[in-house]
Amino acid sequence: MPTTIKEEARRIVDALPDEATWEDLMYRLYVREAVEQGMADSDAGRTRPTSDVRARLGLSRPATGDAA
């Protein structure tokens, strides 16, 4: 796994198809950062149970067998 941001950025760029747009690149960088931040939050114990989040947002539980 790459160890620096530059190495990871190169890996992301190299994985894009030749016809990729700037928007494609920006989206992948955004998703990568969001995942890293979520992992850091989880590691630091900054998480909430899904049921609490769903209740706060006024979402009902999905029917049995439906994806959350």
N, C-alpha and C. Protein backbone atom coordinates (compact mmCIF):
# COMPACT_ATOMS: atom_id res chain seq x y z
N MET A 1 0.85 -1.18 0.00
CA MET A 1 0.00 0.00 0.00
C MET A 1 0.89 1.24 0.00
N PRO A 2 0.54 2.24 -0.80
CA PRO A 2 1.34 3.46 -0.84
C PRO A 2 1.43 4.10 0.55
N THR A 3 2.55 4.75 0.80
CA THR A 3 2.76 5.32 2.12
C THR A 3 2.66 6.84 2.15
N THR A 4 2.70 7.49 1.00
CA THR A 4 2.58 8.94 0.98
C THR A 4 1.36 9.35 0.17
N ILE A 5 0.93 10.58 0.37
CA ILE A 5 -0.21 11.09 -0.40
C ILE A 5 0.13 11.11 -1.89
N LYS A 6 1.35 11.50 -2.23
CA LYS A 6 1.74 11.54 -3.65
C LYS A 6 1.66 10.14 -4.27
N GLU A 7 2.11 9.14 -3.54
CA GLU A 7 2.06 7.77 -4.07
C GLU A 7 0.61 7.31 -4.23
N GLU A 8 -0.22 7.64 -3.26
CA GLU A 8 -1.63 7.25 -3.35
C GLU A 8 -2.32 7.99 -4.48
N ALA A 9 -2.01 9.27 -4.66
CA ALA A 9 -2.59 10.04 -5.76
C ALA A 9 -2.19 9.44 -7.10
N ARG A 10 -0.94 9.05 -7.23
CA ARG A 10 -0.49 8.42 -8.48
C ARG A 10 -1.24 7.10 -8.73
N ARG A 11 -1.43 6.34 -7.66
CA ARG A 11 -2.15 5.07 -7.79
C ARG A 11 -3.58 5.32 -8.27
N ILE A 12 -4.23 6.33 -7.71
CA ILE A 12 -5.60 6.66 -8.10
C ILE A 12 -5.64 7.11 -9.56
N VAL A 13 -4.72 7.99 -9.95
CA VAL A 13 -4.67 8.47 -11.33
C VAL A 13 -4.40 7.31 -12.28
N ASP A 14 -3.45 6.46 -11.94
CA ASP A 14 -3.12 5.32 -12.80
C ASP A 14 -4.28 4.34 -12.96
N ALA A 15 -5.17 4.29 -11.96
CA ALA A 15 -6.31 3.36 -12.02
C ALA A 15 -7.47 3.91 -12.86
N LEU A 16 -7.43 5.20 -13.19
CA LEU A 16 -8.50 5.79 -14.00
C LEU A 16 -8.41 5.31 -15.44
N PRO A 17 -9.55 5.16 -16.09
CA PRO A 17 -9.51 4.84 -17.52
C PRO A 17 -8.98 6.04 -18.30
N ASP A 18 -8.46 5.80 -19.48
CA ASP A 18 -7.89 6.87 -20.30
C ASP A 18 -8.89 7.97 -20.61
N GLU A 19 -10.16 7.65 -20.68
CA GLU A 19 -11.18 8.65 -21.03
C GLU A 19 -11.76 9.34 -19.79
N ALA A 20 -11.13 9.18 -18.64
CA ALA A 20 -11.63 9.79 -17.40
C ALA A 20 -11.63 11.31 -17.50
N THR A 21 -12.54 11.91 -16.76
CA THR A 21 -12.64 13.37 -16.73
C THR A 21 -12.06 13.89 -15.42
N TRP A 22 -11.89 15.21 -15.34
CA TRP A 22 -11.46 15.81 -14.08
C TRP A 22 -12.47 15.48 -12.99
N GLU A 23 -13.76 15.48 -13.36
CA GLU A 23 -14.80 15.15 -12.38
C GLU A 23 -14.62 13.74 -11.84
N ASP A 24 -14.26 12.78 -12.69
CA ASP A 24 -14.01 11.41 -12.25
C ASP A 24 -12.87 11.38 -11.22
N LEU A 25 -11.81 12.11 -11.53
CA LEU A 25 -10.67 12.15 -10.62
C LEU A 25 -11.06 12.79 -9.29
N MET A 26 -11.73 13.92 -9.35
CA MET A 26 -12.12 14.61 -8.12
C MET A 26 -13.04 13.75 -7.26
N TYR A 27 -13.95 13.03 -7.90
CA TYR A 27 -14.85 12.15 -7.15
C TYR A 27 -14.06 11.06 -6.43
N ARG A 28 -13.13 10.44 -7.12
CA ARG A 28 -12.35 9.37 -6.49
C ARG A 28 -11.49 9.90 -5.34
N LEU A 29 -10.94 11.10 -5.52
CA LEU A 29 -10.17 11.70 -4.43
C LEU A 29 -11.08 12.02 -3.24
N TYR A 30 -12.26 12.55 -3.52
CA TYR A 30 -13.23 12.85 -2.46
C TYR A 30 -13.62 11.59 -1.69
N VAL A 31 -13.93 10.53 -2.41
CA VAL A 31 -14.34 9.27 -1.77
C VAL A 31 -13.19 8.73 -0.92
N ARG A 32 -11.99 8.76 -1.45
CA ARG A 32 -10.83 8.27 -0.71
C ARG A 32 -10.67 9.03 0.61
N GLU A 33 -10.76 10.37 0.56
CA GLU A 33 -10.63 11.18 1.77
C GLU A 33 -11.77 10.89 2.75
N ALA A 34 -12.99 10.76 2.25
CA ALA A 34 -14.13 10.47 3.12
C ALA A 34 -13.96 9.13 3.83
N VAL A 35 -13.48 8.13 3.11
CA VAL A 35 -13.26 6.81 3.72
C VAL A 35 -12.16 6.90 4.78
N GLU A 36 -11.07 7.58 4.46
CA GLU A 36 -9.98 7.73 5.44
C GLU A 36 -10.47 8.45 6.69
N GLN A 37 -11.26 9.51 6.52
CA GLN A 37 -11.79 10.23 7.68
C GLN A 37 -12.73 9.35 8.49
N GLY A 38 -13.56 8.59 7.82
CA GLY A 38 -14.46 7.67 8.53
C GLY A 38 -13.70 6.61 9.31
N MET A 39 -12.64 6.09 8.71
CA MET A 39 -11.82 5.09 9.41
C MET A 39 -11.14 5.72 10.64
N ALA A 40 -10.65 6.95 10.50
CA ALA A 40 -10.02 7.63 11.63
C ALA A 40 -11.04 7.88 12.74
N ASP A 41 -12.25 8.30 12.36
CA ASP A 41 -13.30 8.49 13.36
C ASP A 41 -13.63 7.19 14.07
N SER A 42 -13.73 6.12 13.33
CA SER A 42 -14.02 4.82 13.92
C SER A 42 -12.91 4.39 14.87
N ASP A 43 -11.66 4.54 14.43
CA ASP A 43 -10.53 4.17 15.28
C ASP A 43 -10.50 4.98 16.58
N ALA A 44 -10.97 6.23 16.51
CA ALA A 44 -10.98 7.11 17.68
C ALA A 44 -12.25 6.96 18.52
N GLY A 45 -13.13 6.05 18.11
CA GLY A 45 -14.36 5.82 18.87
C GLY A 45 -15.44 6.85 18.62
N ARG A 46 -15.30 7.63 17.56
CA ARG A 46 -16.31 8.64 17.24
C ARG A 46 -17.35 8.04 16.29
N THR A 47 -18.14 7.13 16.82
CA THR A 47 -19.17 6.46 16.02
C THR A 47 -20.48 6.47 16.79
N ARG A 48 -21.55 6.22 16.08
CA ARG A 48 -22.88 6.12 16.68
C ARG A 48 -23.56 4.88 16.11
N PRO A 49 -24.39 4.24 16.90
CA PRO A 49 -25.14 3.10 16.37
C PRO A 49 -26.04 3.54 15.22
N THR A 50 -26.18 2.68 14.23
CA THR A 50 -27.03 2.98 13.08
C THR A 50 -28.44 3.33 13.52
N SER A 51 -28.96 2.64 14.51
CA SER A 51 -30.33 2.91 14.97
C SER A 51 -30.47 4.34 15.49
N ASP A 52 -29.43 4.87 16.16
CA ASP A 52 -29.49 6.25 16.64
C ASP A 52 -29.49 7.24 15.48
N VAL A 53 -28.68 6.99 14.49
CA VAL A 53 -28.62 7.87 13.32
C VAL A 53 -29.94 7.84 12.57
N ARG A 54 -30.47 6.65 12.36
CA ARG A 54 -31.75 6.53 11.65
C ARG A 54 -32.85 7.27 12.40
N ALA A 55 -32.87 7.15 13.74
CA ALA A 55 -33.90 7.83 14.53
C ALA A 55 -33.73 9.35 14.43
N ARG A 56 -32.50 9.81 14.50
CA ARG A 56 -32.24 11.25 14.42
C ARG A 56 -32.68 11.82 13.07
N LEU A 57 -32.53 11.04 12.00
CA LEU A 57 -32.91 11.49 10.67
C LEU A 57 -34.37 11.18 10.32
N GLY A 58 -35.06 10.55 11.24
CA GLY A 58 -36.47 10.22 11.02
C GLY A 58 -36.68 9.12 10.01
N LEU A 59 -35.73 8.21 9.92
CA LEU A 59 -35.83 7.10 8.96
C LEU A 59 -36.37 5.86 9.66
N SER A 60 -37.27 5.19 8.99
CA SER A 60 -37.78 3.94 9.56
C SER A 60 -36.86 2.80 9.15
N ARG A 61 -36.96 1.71 9.85
CA ARG A 61 -36.16 0.54 9.53
C ARG A 61 -36.59 -0.02 8.19
N PRO A 62 -35.65 -0.50 7.37
CA PRO A 62 -36.04 -1.11 6.09
C PRO A 62 -36.76 -2.43 6.35
N ALA A 63 -37.58 -2.81 5.42
CA ALA A 63 -38.28 -4.09 5.51
C ALA A 63 -37.26 -5.22 5.54
N THR A 64 -37.62 -6.34 6.15
CA THR A 64 -36.72 -7.49 6.23
C THR A 64 -36.27 -7.89 4.84
N GLY A 65 -34.96 -8.07 4.69
CA GLY A 65 -34.41 -8.47 3.40
C GLY A 65 -33.96 -7.31 2.54
N ASP A 66 -34.36 -6.08 2.90
CA ASP A 66 -33.92 -4.90 2.15
C ASP A 66 -32.55 -4.47 2.63
N ALA A 67 -31.79 -3.89 1.73
CA ALA A 67 -30.47 -3.35 2.10
C ALA A 67 -30.67 -2.08 2.92
N ALA A 68 -29.79 -1.86 3.87
CA ALA A 68 -29.88 -0.66 4.72
C ALA A 68 -29.42 0.57 3.97
